[in-house]
Protein backbone atom coordinates (compact mmCIF):
# COMPACT_ATOMS: atom_id res chain seq x y z
CA MET A 1 54.78 -109.12 -231.37
CA GLY A 2 57.90 -111.09 -230.40
CA LEU A 3 61.43 -110.49 -231.46
CA PHE A 4 61.00 -112.51 -234.65
CA GLY A 5 57.42 -111.43 -235.40
CA ALA A 6 54.39 -113.63 -235.79
CA LYS A 7 54.84 -117.13 -237.12
CA GLU A 8 53.78 -117.72 -240.72
CA SER A 9 50.97 -120.11 -241.62
CA CYS A 10 51.46 -123.02 -244.00
CA ALA A 11 49.83 -122.25 -247.36
CA ILE A 12 48.83 -125.94 -247.68
CA CYS A 13 47.40 -127.02 -244.32
CA GLY A 14 47.04 -123.65 -242.56
CA GLY A 15 49.14 -124.75 -239.59
CA LYS A 16 51.92 -122.75 -238.04
CA VAL A 17 55.26 -122.89 -239.83
CA GLY A 18 58.23 -123.48 -237.56
CA GLY A 19 61.77 -122.35 -238.19
CA MET A 20 63.14 -125.81 -239.00
CA GLY A 21 62.35 -127.53 -242.29
CA LYS A 22 59.98 -124.92 -243.66
CA LEU A 23 59.99 -124.03 -247.34
CA LYS A 24 59.69 -120.53 -248.75
CA THR A 25 57.70 -120.70 -251.99
CA THR A 26 57.15 -117.94 -254.53
CA ASP A 27 54.09 -116.76 -252.61
CA GLY A 28 54.22 -118.10 -249.08
CA PHE A 29 55.50 -120.86 -246.80
CA VAL A 30 55.01 -124.64 -246.58
CA CYS A 31 55.51 -126.46 -243.27
CA ALA A 32 57.83 -129.42 -242.71
CA GLU A 33 54.94 -131.92 -242.44
CA CYS A 34 53.53 -130.90 -245.82
CA MET A 35 57.03 -131.00 -247.29
CA LYS A 36 57.25 -134.67 -246.30
CA LYS A 37 54.29 -135.35 -248.61
CA CYS A 38 56.23 -134.12 -251.65
CA SER A 39 58.22 -136.52 -253.79
CA PRO A 40 61.81 -137.03 -252.57
CA LEU A 41 62.82 -136.78 -256.23
CA ALA A 42 61.31 -133.32 -256.71
CA SER A 43 63.71 -130.41 -257.15
CA SER A 44 63.51 -126.60 -257.14
CA LEU A 45 60.42 -126.56 -254.95
CA SER A 46 61.24 -123.03 -253.82
CA LEU A 47 60.56 -121.88 -257.39
CA LYS A 48 57.01 -123.25 -257.26
CA SER A 49 53.88 -121.52 -256.03
CA SER A 50 51.94 -122.83 -253.05
CA ARG A 51 49.14 -123.84 -255.41
CA GLU A 52 51.54 -125.89 -257.54
CA ILE A 53 52.90 -127.66 -254.47
CA ALA A 54 49.35 -128.38 -253.25
CA GLN A 55 48.60 -129.97 -256.63
CA HIS A 56 51.82 -131.96 -256.38
CA ILE A 57 50.84 -133.28 -252.95
CA GLN A 58 47.49 -134.39 -254.36
CA TYR A 59 49.34 -136.09 -257.23
CA ARG A 60 51.45 -137.96 -254.68
CA ALA A 61 48.32 -139.25 -252.95
CA ASP A 62 46.91 -140.39 -256.30
CA ASN A 63 50.29 -141.91 -257.18
CA MET A 64 50.17 -144.12 -254.10
CA THR A 65 46.88 -145.59 -255.30
CA LYS A 66 48.26 -146.07 -258.82
CA TYR A 67 51.38 -147.83 -257.51
CA GLN A 68 49.32 -150.27 -255.47
CA SER A 69 47.69 -151.46 -258.70
CA PHE A 70 50.84 -151.14 -260.85
CA VAL A 71 51.55 -154.44 -262.64
CA PRO A 72 54.92 -154.38 -264.42
CA THR A 73 55.55 -156.34 -267.59
CA ASP A 74 59.34 -155.83 -267.33
CA ILE A 75 61.42 -155.77 -264.15
CA VAL A 76 65.08 -155.04 -263.45
CA GLY A 77 65.31 -155.84 -259.76
CA ASN A 78 64.02 -152.92 -257.74
CA TYR A 79 65.82 -150.45 -259.99
CA LEU A 80 63.35 -150.16 -262.87
CA LYS A 81 59.82 -151.48 -263.39
CA VAL A 82 57.93 -150.97 -266.64
CA ASP A 83 54.30 -151.60 -267.57
CA ARG A 84 54.03 -151.59 -271.35
CA ASN A 85 50.27 -151.98 -271.18
CA SER A 86 49.72 -148.66 -269.39
CA ARG A 87 52.94 -147.20 -270.87
CA THR A 88 54.27 -146.21 -267.46
CA TRP A 89 57.43 -146.89 -265.44
CA CYS A 90 58.96 -146.26 -262.02
CA CYS A 91 62.15 -146.70 -259.99
CA PRO A 92 61.19 -148.24 -256.61
CA GLU A 93 64.82 -148.17 -255.45
CA LEU A 94 64.60 -144.36 -255.18
CA ASP A 95 61.40 -144.31 -253.10
CA LYS A 96 60.36 -147.69 -251.78
CA LYS A 97 57.04 -146.56 -250.24
CA ASN A 98 55.60 -144.44 -253.03
CA PRO A 99 57.78 -144.37 -256.17
CA ASP A 100 56.73 -141.81 -258.76
CA ILE A 101 55.06 -143.41 -261.77
CA PHE A 102 56.07 -141.69 -265.00
CA PRO A 103 54.46 -141.99 -268.45
CA PHE A 104 56.61 -143.26 -271.31
CA ASP A 105 56.67 -139.85 -272.99
CA SER A 106 58.26 -138.23 -269.92
CA LEU A 107 61.58 -139.89 -270.82
CA LEU A 108 63.88 -137.50 -272.70
CA GLU A 109 67.43 -138.80 -272.26
CA PHE A 110 69.30 -141.49 -270.36
CA GLU A 111 72.97 -142.09 -269.73
CA LEU A 112 75.20 -144.63 -268.00
CA LEU A 113 77.93 -142.94 -265.98
CA GLU A 114 81.03 -144.53 -264.51
CA ASP A 115 83.02 -142.28 -262.16
CA GLY A 116 81.21 -139.35 -263.76
CA THR A 117 82.24 -140.33 -267.30
CA SER A 118 79.56 -141.05 -269.88
CA ILE A 119 79.74 -144.66 -271.09
CA THR A 120 76.46 -145.05 -272.97
CA LYS A 121 73.68 -142.61 -273.74
CA GLY A 122 70.44 -142.46 -275.67
CA GLY A 123 67.08 -140.75 -275.70
CA LEU A 124 64.05 -139.61 -277.61
CA GLY A 125 64.77 -139.61 -281.33
CA SER A 126 68.36 -140.83 -281.00
CA ALA A 127 70.09 -144.18 -281.05
CA ILE A 128 72.19 -145.51 -278.20
CA VAL A 129 75.78 -144.32 -278.54
CA GLY A 130 78.88 -145.38 -276.66
CA GLY A 131 78.65 -148.82 -275.17
CA ALA A 132 82.21 -149.17 -273.90
CA ALA A 133 80.97 -150.65 -270.62
CA PHE A 134 79.16 -153.39 -272.53
CA GLY A 135 82.14 -154.57 -274.52
CA GLY A 136 84.83 -157.06 -273.68
CA VAL A 137 88.58 -156.63 -273.38
CA GLY A 138 89.80 -153.81 -275.61
CA ALA A 139 86.41 -152.10 -275.84
CA ILE A 140 87.82 -148.80 -274.59
CA VAL A 141 90.05 -147.43 -277.32
CA GLY A 142 91.23 -144.06 -278.62
CA SER A 143 93.20 -141.68 -276.45
CA ASN A 144 93.55 -144.31 -273.70
CA LEU A 145 95.21 -146.85 -276.01
CA GLY A 146 98.52 -147.95 -274.55
CA LYS A 147 97.75 -146.46 -271.16
CA LYS A 148 97.02 -148.44 -268.04
CA GLN A 149 93.29 -148.54 -267.43
CA LYS A 150 91.77 -147.90 -264.01
CA GLU A 151 91.23 -151.11 -262.08
CA ILE A 152 88.90 -149.50 -259.54
CA VAL A 153 85.63 -147.60 -259.94
CA ASN A 154 83.96 -145.59 -257.22
CA SER A 155 80.58 -144.99 -258.81
CA MET A 156 78.27 -146.32 -261.51
CA ALA A 157 74.83 -144.85 -262.10
CA VAL A 158 72.12 -144.38 -264.70
CA SER A 159 71.06 -140.74 -265.11
CA ILE A 160 67.63 -140.02 -266.62
CA VAL A 161 66.40 -136.65 -267.86
CA LEU A 162 62.63 -136.22 -267.68
CA ARG A 163 59.93 -134.00 -269.10
CA ASP A 164 58.35 -133.33 -265.71
CA SER A 165 57.67 -130.01 -264.00
CA PHE A 166 58.73 -131.29 -260.57
CA THR A 167 61.30 -133.98 -261.37
CA SER A 168 63.61 -133.02 -264.20
CA ARG A 169 66.30 -135.63 -263.52
CA ILE A 170 66.71 -138.82 -261.52
CA THR A 171 69.78 -140.93 -260.85
CA ILE A 172 69.71 -144.68 -260.26
CA PRO A 173 72.84 -145.57 -258.22
CA LEU A 174 74.42 -148.95 -258.98
CA ILE A 175 77.90 -148.64 -257.45
CA THR A 176 78.53 -146.15 -254.64
CA ALA A 177 81.83 -147.35 -253.15
CA GLU A 178 85.26 -148.44 -254.34
CA THR A 179 84.77 -151.56 -256.47
CA LYS A 180 87.26 -153.66 -258.42
CA LYS A 181 86.67 -153.86 -262.15
CA GLY A 182 86.05 -157.39 -263.34
CA GLY A 183 84.99 -158.53 -259.89
CA PHE A 184 81.71 -160.18 -258.97
CA ILE A 185 80.03 -156.97 -257.78
CA TYR A 186 81.21 -154.89 -260.74
CA ASN A 187 80.13 -157.49 -263.31
CA GLY A 188 76.77 -157.91 -261.60
CA MET A 189 76.11 -154.17 -261.61
CA LYS A 190 77.25 -153.90 -265.24
CA ASP A 191 74.72 -156.59 -266.18
CA ILE A 192 71.97 -154.69 -264.36
CA ALA A 193 73.05 -151.52 -266.18
CA LYS A 194 72.66 -153.36 -269.50
CA GLN A 195 69.12 -154.35 -268.64
CA ILE A 196 68.16 -150.84 -267.48
CA ILE A 197 69.60 -149.18 -270.60
CA SER A 198 67.89 -151.70 -272.88
CA LEU A 199 64.50 -151.10 -271.26
CA LEU A 200 64.94 -147.33 -271.40
CA ALA A 201 65.83 -147.67 -275.09
CA ILE A 202 62.62 -149.62 -275.69
CA ILE A 203 60.60 -146.90 -273.92
CA SER A 204 62.35 -144.21 -275.96
CA ASP A 205 61.88 -146.08 -279.23
CA SER A 206 58.19 -146.59 -278.56
CA CYS A 207 57.78 -142.83 -278.13
CA SER A 208 59.63 -142.27 -281.40
CA GLY A 209 57.09 -144.39 -283.27
CA ASN A 210 59.34 -147.44 -283.65
CA ASP A 211 57.16 -149.63 -281.46
CA SER A 212 53.69 -149.88 -282.97
CA SER A 213 52.18 -152.35 -280.50
CA PRO A 214 53.75 -152.13 -277.02
CA SER A 215 50.74 -153.71 -275.34
CA ALA A 216 51.22 -156.87 -277.38
CA ALA A 217 54.87 -157.21 -276.40
CA PRO A 218 55.94 -160.33 -274.48
CA SER A 219 56.32 -159.96 -270.72
CA LYS A 220 59.33 -160.09 -268.43
CA SER A 221 61.98 -158.43 -270.57
CA SER A 222 62.09 -161.03 -273.38
CA ILE A 223 62.63 -158.37 -276.03
CA ALA A 224 65.14 -156.55 -273.83
CA ASP A 225 67.07 -159.83 -273.47
CA GLU A 226 67.14 -160.32 -277.23
CA ILE A 227 68.42 -156.78 -277.74
CA LEU A 228 71.17 -157.44 -275.20
CA LYS A 229 72.19 -160.56 -277.11
CA LEU A 230 72.31 -158.56 -280.33
CA LYS A 231 74.39 -155.86 -278.61
CA ASP A 232 76.87 -158.50 -277.42
CA LEU A 233 77.17 -159.80 -280.99
CA LEU A 234 77.71 -156.26 -282.24
CA ASP A 235 80.42 -155.58 -279.63
CA ALA A 236 82.10 -158.87 -280.54
CA GLY A 237 82.13 -157.91 -284.21
CA ALA A 238 79.89 -160.81 -285.21
CA ILE A 239 77.31 -158.50 -286.80
CA THR A 240 77.49 -155.05 -288.40
CA PRO A 241 75.84 -151.91 -286.99
CA GLU A 242 73.36 -152.06 -289.89
CA GLU A 243 72.43 -155.66 -289.06
CA PHE A 244 72.04 -154.73 -285.39
CA ALA A 245 69.75 -151.79 -286.25
CA ASN A 246 67.61 -153.92 -288.60
CA ALA A 247 67.27 -156.79 -286.11
CA LYS A 248 66.41 -154.43 -283.28
CA SER A 249 63.79 -152.73 -285.45
CA GLN A 250 62.17 -156.11 -286.17
CA LEU A 251 62.05 -156.97 -282.46
CA LEU A 252 60.32 -153.70 -281.64
CA LYS A 253 57.57 -154.06 -284.25
């Protein structure tokens, strides 16, 4: 036996586990090559058993087949794709080769963050709250009133909390470097954020029983666009919160 003892065997493939990149599970080791087969979004793998990781790797192989036949009804660039017919969604921006496909009911909460501060949030059984990022001039009020607002943001992202044993949270990055507020890039990313939040709200509402016929919904984000228009009217003060809620409910029927 050498100085460091015999090399461990991978609990998945049976091969030798090297010192670099190996994972210690609750009951053994997984080699670097098998680790590459796990989802890049998965977290806390060291708390899983080798059997659970083996099942996850099989899921990833099946997911690749599912993604090849995935036909989205709603698309927000490469950030979010939704298929209302199969009630599934994915974020290809986070894994371009084999993005995890999640069922609608995996979505628990979602939140738009700007420099780590919550701007808008929503989730299962709750309405969207916040919305400062979607308003016009003067939308941010309260304790900041009378103070000079930041003209630069360094990050903007949508954070999603999931009901998933391997992936409990994902983050969709929109802005990752210093960006001027009101500029072309900032406004473009804010518009994408609107579309993502609206689609996530539709998914959440459908799981709350507010969407009785998702498979019959029009394609290509038509309902999401209408909700965005309503939200703009609400932010502008043209309609009341009650009118917004009633109109949104009618769109989702």
